[in-house]
């Protein structure tokens, strides 16, 4: 389906299967692939330590940090050269967002 121009999934980047992916891995800041058994747990632990991560997505990289860690947030702002502009946040659900943010009815929908 990925190679068939008549298929709706032709060259669909998020297309994946059990045999060929997706594959998760961790690279250091020089691009060397690290031998990490569980990349998700590794990233969680490093984020908890205040480290930043660049996560490759379809349209580029998402720069991430622990949103509760002021030092990590300041480091992210410095790296992005964004001292005051709001940063995007990701949370599990609207219920979690409502605990930490003001949400209008329109935004909730």
PDB file of N, CA and C in Angstrom:
ATOM      1  N   UNK A   1       0.809  -1.204   0.000  1.00  0.00           N
ATOM      2  CA  UNK A   1       0.000   0.000   0.000  1.00  0.00           C
ATOM      3  C   UNK A   1       0.857   1.275   0.000  1.00  0.00           C
ATOM      4  N   UNK A   2       1.994   1.235   0.662  1.00  0.00           N
ATOM      5  CA  UNK A   2       2.863   2.412   0.726  1.00  0.00           C
ATOM      6  C   UNK A   2       3.421   2.761  -0.649  1.00  0.00           C
ATOM      7  N   UNK A   3       3.682   1.762  -1.475  1.00  0.00           N
ATOM      8  CA  UNK A   3       4.310   1.975  -2.786  1.00  0.00           C
ATOM      9  C   UNK A   3       3.310   2.132  -3.920  1.00  0.00           C
ATOM     10  N   UNK A   4       2.037   1.942  -3.655  1.00  0.00           N
ATOM     11  CA  UNK A   4       1.011   1.982  -4.701  1.00  0.00           C
ATOM     12  C   UNK A   4       0.398   3.382  -4.789  1.00  0.00           C
ATOM     13  N   UNK A   5       0.664   4.128  -5.885  1.00  0.00           N
ATOM     14  CA  UNK A   5       0.145   5.495  -6.005  1.00  0.00           C
ATOM     15  C   UNK A   5      -1.381   5.583  -6.002  1.00  0.00           C
ATOM     16  N   UNK A   6      -2.072   4.477  -6.274  1.00  0.00           N
ATOM     17  CA  UNK A   6      -3.537   4.511  -6.271  1.00  0.00           C
ATOM     18  C   UNK A   6      -4.110   4.252  -4.877  1.00  0.00           C
ATOM     19  N   UNK A   7      -3.266   3.882  -3.938  1.00  0.00           N
ATOM     20  CA  UNK A   7      -3.715   3.587  -2.584  1.00  0.00           C
ATOM     21  C   UNK A   7      -3.704   4.856  -1.743  1.00  0.00           C
ATOM     22  N   UNK A   8      -4.694   5.016  -0.889  1.00  0.00           N
ATOM     23  CA  UNK A   8      -4.765   6.224  -0.049  1.00  0.00           C
ATOM     24  C   UNK A   8      -3.600   6.316   0.934  1.00  0.00           C
ATOM     25  N   UNK A   9      -2.897   5.211   1.161  1.00  0.00           N
ATOM     26  CA  UNK A   9      -1.755   5.220   2.074  1.00  0.00           C
ATOM     27  C   UNK A   9      -0.423   5.365   1.338  1.00  0.00           C
ATOM     28  N   UNK A  10      -0.476   5.715   0.068  1.00  0.00           N
ATOM     29  CA  UNK A  10       0.733   5.900  -0.727  1.00  0.00           C
ATOM     30  C   UNK A  10       1.632   6.939  -0.065  1.00  0.00           C
ATOM     31  N   UNK A  11       2.825   6.547   0.264  1.00  0.00           N
ATOM     32  CA  UNK A  11       3.828   7.404   0.912  1.00  0.00           C
ATOM     33  C   UNK A  11       3.317   8.060   2.193  1.00  0.00           C
ATOM     34  N   UNK A  12       2.391   7.400   2.887  1.00  0.00           N
ATOM     35  CA  UNK A  12       1.899   7.906   4.172  1.00  0.00           C
ATOM     36  C   UNK A  12       2.969   7.622   5.225  1.00  0.00           C
ATOM     37  N   UNK A  13       3.629   8.659   5.697  1.00  0.00           N
ATOM     38  CA  UNK A  13       4.746   8.479   6.623  1.00  0.00           C
ATOM     39  C   UNK A  13       4.375   7.740   7.905  1.00  0.00           C
ATOM     40  N   UNK A  14       3.161   7.944   8.461  1.00  0.00           N
ATOM     41  CA  UNK A  14       2.869   7.225   9.701  1.00  0.00           C
ATOM     42  C   UNK A  14       2.492   5.760   9.490  1.00  0.00           C
ATOM     43  N   UNK A  15       2.495   5.299   8.258  1.00  0.00           N
ATOM     44  CA  UNK A  15       2.175   3.907   7.960  1.00  0.00           C
ATOM     45  C   UNK A  15       3.192   2.984   8.631  1.00  0.00           C
ATOM     46  N   UNK A  16       2.736   1.954   9.301  1.00  0.00           N
ATOM     47  CA  UNK A  16       3.663   1.045   9.973  1.00  0.00           C
ATOM     48  C   UNK A  16       3.016  -0.325  10.141  1.00  0.00           C
ATOM     49  N   UNK A  17       3.846  -1.308  10.418  1.00  0.00           N
ATOM     50  CA  UNK A  17       3.347  -2.654  10.689  1.00  0.00           C
ATOM     51  C   UNK A  17       4.210  -3.295  11.772  1.00  0.00           C
ATOM     52  N   UNK A  18       3.787  -4.470  12.238  1.00  0.00           N
ATOM     53  CA  UNK A  18       4.525  -5.151  13.305  1.00  0.00           C
ATOM     54  C   UNK A  18       5.926  -5.548  12.864  1.00  0.00           C
ATOM     55  N   UNK A  19       6.104  -5.848  11.595  1.00  0.00           N
ATOM     56  CA  UNK A  19       7.410  -6.309  11.110  1.00  0.00           C
ATOM     57  C   UNK A  19       8.398  -5.171  10.876  1.00  0.00           C
ATOM     58  N   UNK A  20       7.899  -4.012  10.432  1.00  0.00           N
ATOM     59  CA  UNK A  20       8.833  -2.959  10.019  1.00  0.00           C
ATOM     60  C   UNK A  20       8.724  -1.670  10.826  1.00  0.00           C
ATOM     61  N   UNK A  21       7.981  -1.650  11.873  1.00  0.00           N
ATOM     62  CA  UNK A  21       8.007  -0.438  12.673  1.00  0.00           C
ATOM     63  C   UNK A  21       6.650  -0.049  13.199  1.00  0.00           C
ATOM     64  N   UNK A  22       6.607   1.022  13.955  1.00  0.00           N
ATOM     65  CA  UNK A  22       7.677   1.999  14.128  1.00  0.00           C
ATOM     66  C   UNK A  22       8.795   1.491  15.042  1.00  0.00           C
ATOM     67  N   UNK A  23       9.944   2.107  14.890  1.00  0.00           N
ATOM     68  CA  UNK A  23      11.105   1.775  15.707  1.00  0.00           C
ATOM     69  C   UNK A  23      11.421   2.977  16.588  1.00  0.00           C
ATOM     70  N   UNK A  24      11.710   2.726  17.839  1.00  0.00           N
ATOM     71  CA  UNK A  24      12.108   3.789  18.764  1.00  0.00           C
ATOM     72  C   UNK A  24      13.566   3.613  19.111  1.00  0.00           C
ATOM     73  N   UNK A  25      14.302   4.726  19.145  1.00  0.00           N
ATOM     74  CA  UNK A  25      15.692   4.680  19.563  1.00  0.00           C
ATOM     75  C   UNK A  25      16.079   6.032  20.135  1.00  0.00           C
ATOM     76  N   UNK A  26      17.221   6.061  20.787  1.00  0.00           N
ATOM     77  CA  UNK A  26      17.742   7.282  21.396  1.00  0.00           C
ATOM     78  C   UNK A  26      19.106   7.559  20.790  1.00  0.00           C
ATOM     79  N   UNK A  27      19.332   8.831  20.450  1.00  0.00           N
ATOM     80  CA  UNK A  27      20.640   9.271  19.957  1.00  0.00           C
ATOM     81  C   UNK A  27      21.199  10.298  20.924  1.00  0.00           C
ATOM     82  N   UNK A  28      22.525  10.357  21.010  1.00  0.00           N
ATOM     83  CA  UNK A  28      23.146  11.395  21.824  1.00  0.00           C
ATOM     84  C   UNK A  28      23.179  12.692  21.017  1.00  0.00           C
ATOM     85  N   UNK A  29      23.744  13.743  21.607  1.00  0.00           N
ATOM     86  CA  UNK A  29      23.743  15.046  20.933  1.00  0.00           C
ATOM     87  C   UNK A  29      24.685  15.114  19.733  1.00  0.00           C
ATOM     88  N   UNK A  30      25.380  14.034  19.445  1.00  0.00           N
ATOM     89  CA  UNK A  30      26.236  13.975  18.256  1.00  0.00           C
ATOM     90  C   UNK A  30      25.632  13.074  17.176  1.00  0.00           C
ATOM     91  N   UNK A  31      24.435  12.533  17.443  1.00  0.00           N
ATOM     92  CA  UNK A  31      23.759  11.684  16.472  1.00  0.00           C
ATOM     93  C   UNK A  31      24.118  10.215  16.544  1.00  0.00           C
ATOM     94  N   UNK A  32      24.853   9.817  17.581  1.00  0.00           N
ATOM     95  CA  UNK A  32      25.206   8.403  17.750  1.00  0.00           C
ATOM     96  C   UNK A  32      24.045   7.655  18.399  1.00  0.00           C
ATOM     97  N   UNK A  33      23.634   6.552  17.792  1.00  0.00           N
ATOM     98  CA  UNK A  33      22.546   5.744  18.334  1.00  0.00           C
ATOM     99  C   UNK A  33      23.023   5.025  19.595  1.00  0.00           C
ATOM    100  N   UNK A  34      22.268   5.188  20.684  1.00  0.00           N
ATOM    101  CA  UNK A  34      22.605   4.554  21.953  1.00  0.00           C
ATOM    102  C   UNK A  34      21.891   3.211  22.064  1.00  0.00           C
ATOM    103  N   UNK A  35      22.532   2.263  22.687  1.00  0.00           N
ATOM    104  CA  UNK A  35      21.938   0.940  22.891  1.00  0.00           C
ATOM    105  C   UNK A  35      21.100   0.984  24.171  1.00  0.00           C
ATOM    106  N   UNK A  36      19.853   1.391  24.023  1.00  0.00           N
ATOM    107  CA  UNK A  36      18.931   1.537  25.144  1.00  0.00           C
ATOM    108  C   UNK A  36      17.838   0.482  24.993  1.00  0.00           C
ATOM    109  N   UNK A  37      17.634  -0.323  26.021  1.00  0.00           N
ATOM    110  CA  UNK A  37      16.637  -1.392  25.944  1.00  0.00           C
ATOM    111  C   UNK A  37      15.213  -0.839  25.875  1.00  0.00           C
ATOM    112  N   UNK A  38      14.905   0.185  26.671  1.00  0.00           N
ATOM    113  CA  UNK A  38      13.562   0.752  26.699  1.00  0.00           C
ATOM    114  C   UNK A  38      13.652   2.270  26.529  1.00  0.00           C
ATOM    115  N   UNK A  39      13.573   2.764  25.287  1.00  0.00           N
ATOM    116  CA  UNK A  39      13.721   4.201  25.039  1.00  0.00           C
ATOM    117  C   UNK A  39      12.699   5.071  25.769  1.00  0.00           C
ATOM    118  N   UNK A  40      11.471   4.580  25.943  1.00  0.00           N
ATOM    119  CA  UNK A  40      10.446   5.376  26.625  1.00  0.00           C
ATOM    120  C   UNK A  40      10.822   5.580  28.091  1.00  0.00           C
ATOM    121  N   UNK A  41      11.177   4.518  28.788  1.00  0.00           N
ATOM    122  CA  UNK A  41      11.585   4.641  30.196  1.00  0.00           C
ATOM    123  C   UNK A  41      12.834   5.501  30.335  1.00  0.00           C
ATOM    124  N   UNK A  42      13.771   5.339  29.416  1.00  0.00           N
ATOM    125  CA  UNK A  42      14.995   6.138  29.434  1.00  0.00           C
ATOM    126  C   UNK A  42      14.650   7.627  29.327  1.00  0.00           C
ATOM    127  N   UNK A  43      13.776   7.968  28.370  1.00  0.00           N
ATOM    128  CA  UNK A  43      13.384   9.371  28.186  1.00  0.00           C
ATOM    129  C   UNK A  43      12.650   9.893  29.413  1.00  0.00           C
ATOM    130  N   UNK A  44      11.748   9.097  29.976  1.00  0.00           N
ATOM    131  CA  UNK A  44      11.028   9.517  31.182  1.00  0.00           C
ATOM    132  C   UNK A  44      11.999   9.840  32.312  1.00  0.00           C
ATOM    133  N   UNK A  45      12.970   8.983  32.515  1.00  0.00           N
ATOM    134  CA  UNK A  45      13.947   9.201  33.590  1.00  0.00           C
ATOM    135  C   UNK A  45      14.783  10.447  33.343  1.00  0.00           C
ATOM    136  N   UNK A  46      15.231  10.639  32.116  1.00  0.00           N
ATOM    137  CA  UNK A  46      16.055  11.812  31.803  1.00  0.00           C
ATOM    138  C   UNK A  46      15.246  13.098  31.924  1.00  0.00           C
ATOM    139  N   UNK A  47      13.983  13.082  31.482  1.00  0.00           N
ATOM    140  CA  UNK A  47      13.134  14.263  31.634  1.00  0.00           C
ATOM    141  C   UNK A  47      12.943  14.576  33.116  1.00  0.00           C
ATOM    142  N   UNK A  48      12.771  13.552  33.939  1.00  0.00           N
ATOM    143  CA  UNK A  48      12.622  13.751  35.386  1.00  0.00           C
ATOM    144  C   UNK A  48      13.887  14.341  36.003  1.00  0.00           C
ATOM    145  N   UNK A  49      15.038  14.102  35.366  1.00  0.00           N
ATOM    146  CA  UNK A  49      16.309  14.668  35.832  1.00  0.00           C
ATOM    147  C   UNK A  49      16.514  16.100  35.343  1.00  0.00           C
ATOM    148  N   UNK A  50      15.571  16.625  34.547  1.00  0.00           N
ATOM    149  CA  UNK A  50      15.690  17.990  34.046  1.00  0.00           C
ATOM    150  C   UNK A  50      16.331  18.107  32.678  1.00  0.00           C
ATOM    151  N   UNK A  51      16.524  16.995  32.002  1.00  0.00           N
ATOM    152  CA  UNK A  51      17.134  17.012  30.666  1.00  0.00           C
ATOM    153  C   UNK A  51      16.094  17.399  29.620  1.00  0.00           C
ATOM    154  N   UNK A  52      16.562  17.858  28.465  1.00  0.00           N
ATOM    155  CA  UNK A  52      15.705  18.166  27.321  1.00  0.00           C
ATOM    156  C   UNK A  52      15.802  17.025  26.318  1.00  0.00           C
ATOM    157  N   UNK A  53      14.730  16.820  25.573  1.00  0.00           N
ATOM    158  CA  UNK A  53      14.724  15.818  24.512  1.00  0.00           C
ATOM    159  C   UNK A  53      14.167  16.432  23.244  1.00  0.00           C
ATOM    160  N   UNK A  54      14.724  16.048  22.111  1.00  0.00           N
ATOM    161  CA  UNK A  54      14.168  16.383  20.800  1.00  0.00           C
ATOM    162  C   UNK A  54      13.536  15.105  20.270  1.00  0.00           C
ATOM    163  N   UNK A  55      12.238  15.149  20.017  1.00  0.00           N
ATOM    164  CA  UNK A  55      11.509  13.980  19.534  1.00  0.00           C
ATOM    165  C   UNK A  55      11.136  14.227  18.081  1.00  0.00           C
ATOM    166  N   UNK A  56      11.613  13.353  17.201  1.00  0.00           N
ATOM    167  CA  UNK A  56      11.366  13.525  15.775  1.00  0.00           C
ATOM    168  C   UNK A  56       9.923  13.165  15.451  1.00  0.00           C
ATOM    169  N   UNK A  57       9.233  14.087  14.793  1.00  0.00           N
ATOM    170  CA  UNK A  57       7.865  13.860  14.344  1.00  0.00           C
ATOM    171  C   UNK A  57       7.789  13.953  12.833  1.00  0.00           C
ATOM    172  N   UNK A  58       6.585  13.920  12.290  1.00  0.00           N
ATOM    173  CA  UNK A  58       6.413  13.978  10.842  1.00  0.00           C
ATOM    174  C   UNK A  58       6.832  15.322  10.260  1.00  0.00           C
ATOM    175  N   UNK A  59       6.628  16.399  11.019  1.00  0.00           N
ATOM    176  CA  UNK A  59       6.917  17.723  10.493  1.00  0.00           C
ATOM    177  C   UNK A  59       8.170  18.366  11.056  1.00  0.00           C
ATOM    178  N   UNK A  60       8.961  17.628  11.775  1.00  0.00           N
ATOM    179  CA  UNK A  60      10.160  18.197  12.378  1.00  0.00           C
ATOM    180  C   UNK A  60      10.386  17.603  13.753  1.00  0.00           C
ATOM    181  N   UNK A  61      10.964  18.397  14.632  1.00  0.00           N
ATOM    182  CA  UNK A  61      11.289  17.922  15.977  1.00  0.00           C
ATOM    183  C   UNK A  61      10.461  18.653  17.019  1.00  0.00           C
ATOM    184  N   UNK A  62      10.042  17.934  18.045  1.00  0.00           N
ATOM    185  CA  UNK A  62       9.380  18.511  19.206  1.00  0.00           C
ATOM    186  C   UNK A  62      10.429  18.571  20.309  1.00  0.00           C
ATOM    187  N   UNK A  63      10.685  19.759  20.826  1.00  0.00           N
ATOM    188  CA  UNK A  63      11.624  19.900  21.940  1.00  0.00           C
ATOM    189  C   UNK A  63      10.827  19.781  23.226  1.00  0.00           C
ATOM    190  N   UNK A  64      11.255  18.895  24.106  1.00  0.00           N
ATOM    191  CA  UNK A  64      10.469  18.591  25.294  1.00  0.00           C
ATOM    192  C   UNK A  64      11.280  18.746  26.572  1.00  0.00           C
ATOM    193  N   UNK A  65      10.540  19.004  27.650  1.00  0.00           N
ATOM    194  CA  UNK A  65      11.126  19.036  28.988  1.00  0.00           C
ATOM    195  C   UNK A  65      10.014  18.746  29.984  1.00  0.00           C
ATOM    196  N   UNK A  66      10.387  18.569  31.236  1.00  0.00           N
ATOM    197  CA  UNK A  66       9.414  18.388  32.308  1.00  0.00           C
ATOM    198  C   UNK A  66       8.783  19.747  32.591  1.00  0.00           C
ATOM    199  N   UNK A  67       7.491  19.858  32.361  1.00  0.00           N
ATOM    200  CA  UNK A  67       6.790  21.122  32.537  1.00  0.00           C
ATOM    201  C   UNK A  67       6.698  21.610  33.967  1.00  0.00           C
ATOM    202  N   UNK A  68       7.084  20.794  34.937  1.00  0.00           N
ATOM    203  CA  UNK A  68       7.085  21.195  36.343  1.00  0.00           C
ATOM    204  C   UNK A  68       8.466  21.647  36.802  1.00  0.00           C
ATOM    205  N   UNK A  69       9.459  21.482  35.959  1.00  0.00           N
ATOM    206  CA  UNK A  69      10.840  21.789  36.325  1.00  0.00           C
ATOM    207  C   UNK A  69      11.221  23.161  35.763  1.00  0.00           C
ATOM    208  N   UNK A  70      11.251  24.177  36.635  1.00  0.00           N
ATOM    209  CA  UNK A  70      11.530  25.555  36.197  1.00  0.00           C
ATOM    210  C   UNK A  70      12.892  25.681  35.518  1.00  0.00           C
ATOM    211  N   UNK A  71      13.892  24.968  36.023  1.00  0.00           N
ATOM    212  CA  UNK A  71      15.227  25.028  35.424  1.00  0.00           C
ATOM    213  C   UNK A  71      15.201  24.476  34.006  1.00  0.00           C
ATOM    214  N   UNK A  72      14.512  23.356  33.818  1.00  0.00           N
ATOM    215  CA  UNK A  72      14.405  22.757  32.485  1.00  0.00           C
ATOM    216  C   UNK A  72      13.633  23.673  31.538  1.00  0.00           C
ATOM    217  N   UNK A  73      12.581  24.307  32.042  1.00  0.00           N
ATOM    218  CA  UNK A  73      11.797  25.231  31.213  1.00  0.00           C
ATOM    219  C   UNK A  73      12.664  26.407  30.780  1.00  0.00           C
ATOM    220  N   UNK A  74      13.447  26.962  31.697  1.00  0.00           N
ATOM    221  CA  UNK A  74      14.324  28.078  31.346  1.00  0.00           C
ATOM    222  C   UNK A  74      15.381  27.653  30.332  1.00  0.00           C
ATOM    223  N   UNK A  75      15.911  26.453  30.476  1.00  0.00           N
ATOM    224  CA  UNK A  75      16.875  25.938  29.505  1.00  0.00           C
ATOM    225  C   UNK A  75      16.222  25.794  28.129  1.00  0.00           C
ATOM    226  N   UNK A  76      14.992  25.279  28.094  1.00  0.00           N
ATOM    227  CA  UNK A  76      14.263  25.156  26.828  1.00  0.00           C
ATOM    228  C   UNK A  76      14.019  26.531  26.215  1.00  0.00           C
ATOM    229  N   UNK A  77      13.613  27.499  27.030  1.00  0.00           N
ATOM    230  CA  UNK A  77      13.389  28.863  26.525  1.00  0.00           C
ATOM    231  C   UNK A  77      14.683  29.455  25.961  1.00  0.00           C
ATOM    232  N   UNK A  78      15.793  29.210  26.635  1.00  0.00           N
ATOM    233  CA  UNK A  78      17.090  29.704  26.156  1.00  0.00           C
ATOM    234  C   UNK A  78      17.452  29.056  24.829  1.00  0.00           C
ATOM    235  N   UNK A  79      17.318  27.746  24.746  1.00  0.00           N
ATOM    236  CA  UNK A  79      17.665  27.027  23.513  1.00  0.00           C
ATOM    237  C   UNK A  79      16.787  27.450  22.342  1.00  0.00           C
ATOM    238  N   UNK A  80      15.502  27.712  22.624  1.00  0.00           N
ATOM    239  CA  UNK A  80      14.573  28.109  21.560  1.00  0.00           C
ATOM    240  C   UNK A  80      14.606  29.620  21.303  1.00  0.00           C
ATOM    241  N   UNK A  81      15.363  30.346  22.139  1.00  0.00           N
ATOM    242  CA  UNK A  81      15.403  31.813  22.056  1.00  0.00           C
ATOM    243  C   UNK A  81      13.978  32.384  22.154  1.00  0.00           C
ATOM    244  N   UNK A  82      13.265  31.926  23.165  1.00  0.00           N
ATOM    245  CA  UNK A  82      11.871  32.294  23.386  1.00  0.00           C
ATOM    246  C   UNK A  82      11.669  32.678  24.847  1.00  0.00           C
ATOM    247  N   UNK A  83      12.207  33.837  25.258  1.00  0.00           N
ATOM    248  CA  UNK A  83      12.151  34.172  26.681  1.00  0.00           C
ATOM    249  C   UNK A  83      10.740  34.423  27.220  1.00  0.00           C
ATOM    250  N   UNK A  84       9.805  34.862  26.367  1.00  0.00           N
ATOM    251  CA  UNK A  84       8.478  35.224  26.864  1.00  0.00           C
ATOM    252  C   UNK A  84       7.328  34.569  26.108  1.00  0.00           C
ATOM    253  N   UNK A  85       7.551  34.188  24.863  1.00  0.00           N
ATOM    254  CA  UNK A  85       6.479  33.614  24.050  1.00  0.00           C
ATOM    255  C   UNK A  85       5.988  32.310  24.684  1.00  0.00           C
ATOM    256  N   UNK A  86       4.666  32.099  24.735  1.00  0.00           N
ATOM    257  CA  UNK A  86       4.144  30.865  25.338  1.00  0.00           C
ATOM    258  C   UNK A  86       4.671  29.612  24.639  1.00  0.00           C
ATOM    259  N   UNK A  87       4.847  28.574  25.421  1.00  0.00           N
ATOM    260  CA  UNK A  87       5.262  27.277  24.890  1.00  0.00           C
ATOM    261  C   UNK A  87       4.046  26.354  24.834  1.00  0.00           C
ATOM    262  N   UNK A  88       4.035  25.443  23.889  1.00  0.00           N
ATOM    263  CA  UNK A  88       2.962  24.449  23.805  1.00  0.00           C
ATOM    264  C   UNK A  88       3.112  23.452  24.948  1.00  0.00           C
ATOM    265  N   UNK A  89       1.989  22.963  25.430  1.00  0.00           N
ATOM    266  CA  UNK A  89       2.013  21.922  26.456  1.00  0.00           C
ATOM    267  C   UNK A  89       1.191  20.728  25.975  1.00  0.00           C
ATOM    268  N   UNK A  90       1.579  19.547  26.416  1.00  0.00           N
ATOM    269  CA  UNK A  90       0.816  18.337  26.105  1.00  0.00           C
ATOM    270  C   UNK A  90       0.436  17.670  27.414  1.00  0.00           C
ATOM    271  N   UNK A  91      -0.840  17.325  27.514  1.00  0.00           N
ATOM    272  CA  UNK A  91      -1.331  16.641  28.705  1.00  0.00           C
ATOM    273  C   UNK A  91      -2.207  15.477  28.274  1.00  0.00           C
ATOM    274  N   UNK A  92      -2.436  14.571  29.200  1.00  0.00           N
ATOM    275  CA  UNK A  92      -3.123  13.312  28.913  1.00  0.00           C
ATOM    276  C   UNK A  92      -4.574  13.493  28.462  1.00  0.00           C
ATOM    277  N   UNK A  93      -5.292  14.442  29.055  1.00  0.00           N
ATOM    278  CA  UNK A  93      -6.722  14.585  28.770  1.00  0.00           C
ATOM    279  C   UNK A  93      -7.179  16.002  29.087  1.00  0.00           C
ATOM    280  N   UNK A  94      -8.402  16.312  28.664  1.00  0.00           N
ATOM    281  CA  UNK A  94      -8.986  17.617  28.975  1.00  0.00           C
ATOM    282  C   UNK A  94      -9.147  17.763  30.487  1.00  0.00           C
ATOM    283  N   UNK A  95      -9.462  16.671  31.165  1.00  0.00           N
ATOM    284  CA  UNK A  95      -9.625  16.723  32.621  1.00  0.00           C
ATOM    285  C   UNK A  95      -8.325  17.157  33.299  1.00  0.00           C
ATOM    286  N   UNK A  96      -7.209  16.635  32.846  1.00  0.00           N
ATOM    287  CA  UNK A  96      -5.909  17.019  33.408  1.00  0.00           C
ATOM    288  C   UNK A  96      -5.619  18.479  33.074  1.00  0.00           C
ATOM    289  N   UNK A  97      -5.908  18.877  31.850  1.00  0.00           N
ATOM    290  CA  UNK A  97      -5.688  20.272  31.450  1.00  0.00           C
ATOM    291  C   UNK A  97      -6.486  21.204  32.354  1.00  0.00           C
ATOM    292  N   UNK A  98      -7.739  20.864  32.632  1.00  0.00           N
ATOM    293  CA  UNK A  98      -8.596  21.713  33.467  1.00  0.00           C
ATOM    294  C   UNK A  98      -8.040  21.882  34.882  1.00  0.00           C
ATOM    295  N   UNK A  99      -7.282  20.906  35.362  1.00  0.00           N
ATOM    296  CA  UNK A  99      -6.689  21.012  36.699  1.00  0.00           C
ATOM    297  C   UNK A  99      -5.589  22.065  36.747  1.00  0.00           C
ATOM    298  N   UNK A 100      -4.982  22.350  35.597  1.00  0.00           N
ATOM    299  CA  UNK A 100      -3.810  23.218  35.579  1.00  0.00           C
ATOM    300  C   UNK A 100      -3.979  24.489  34.750  1.00  0.00           C
ATOM    301  N   UNK A 101      -5.051  24.560  33.956  1.00  0.00           N
ATOM    302  CA  UNK A 101      -5.232  25.692  33.043  1.00  0.00           C
ATOM    303  C   UNK A 101      -6.681  26.164  33.068  1.00  0.00           C
ATOM    304  N   UNK A 102      -6.876  27.409  32.661  1.00  0.00           N
ATOM    305  CA  UNK A 102      -8.228  27.919  32.459  1.00  0.00           C
ATOM    306  C   UNK A 102      -8.671  27.480  31.068  1.00  0.00           C
ATOM    307  N   UNK A 103      -9.819  26.817  30.993  1.00  0.00           N
ATOM    308  CA  UNK A 103     -10.308  26.272  29.730  1.00  0.00           C
ATOM    309  C   UNK A 103     -11.718  26.787  29.484  1.00  0.00           C
ATOM    310  N   UNK A 104     -11.918  27.455  28.347  1.00  0.00           N
ATOM    311  CA  UNK A 104     -13.256  27.921  27.990  1.00  0.00           C
ATOM    312  C   UNK A 104     -14.044  26.763  27.380  1.00  0.00           C
ATOM    313  N   UNK A 105     -15.361  26.943  27.287  1.00  0.00           N
ATOM    314  CA  UNK A 105     -16.211  25.918  26.675  1.00  0.00           C
ATOM    315  C   UNK A 105     -15.797  25.677  25.234  1.00  0.00           C
ATOM    316  N   UNK A 106     -15.513  26.736  24.503  1.00  0.00           N
ATOM    317  CA  UNK A 106     -15.091  26.610  23.106  1.00  0.00           C
ATOM    318  C   UNK A 106     -13.783  25.825  23.000  1.00  0.00           C
ATOM    319  N   UNK A 107     -12.827  26.128  23.867  1.00  0.00           N
ATOM    320  CA  UNK A 107     -11.548  25.407  23.846  1.00  0.00           C
ATOM    321  C   UNK A 107     -11.736  23.934  24.196  1.00  0.00           C
ATOM    322  N   UNK A 108     -12.645  23.664  25.111  1.00  0.00           N
ATOM    323  CA  UNK A 108     -12.880  22.281  25.528  1.00  0.00           C
ATOM    324  C   UNK A 108     -13.455  21.448  24.389  1.00  0.00           C
ATOM    325  N   UNK A 109     -14.309  22.080  23.581  1.00  0.00           N
ATOM    326  CA  UNK A 109     -14.920  21.367  22.445  1.00  0.00           C
ATOM    327  C   UNK A 109     -13.880  21.099  21.395  1.00  0.00           C
TER     328      UNK A 109
END
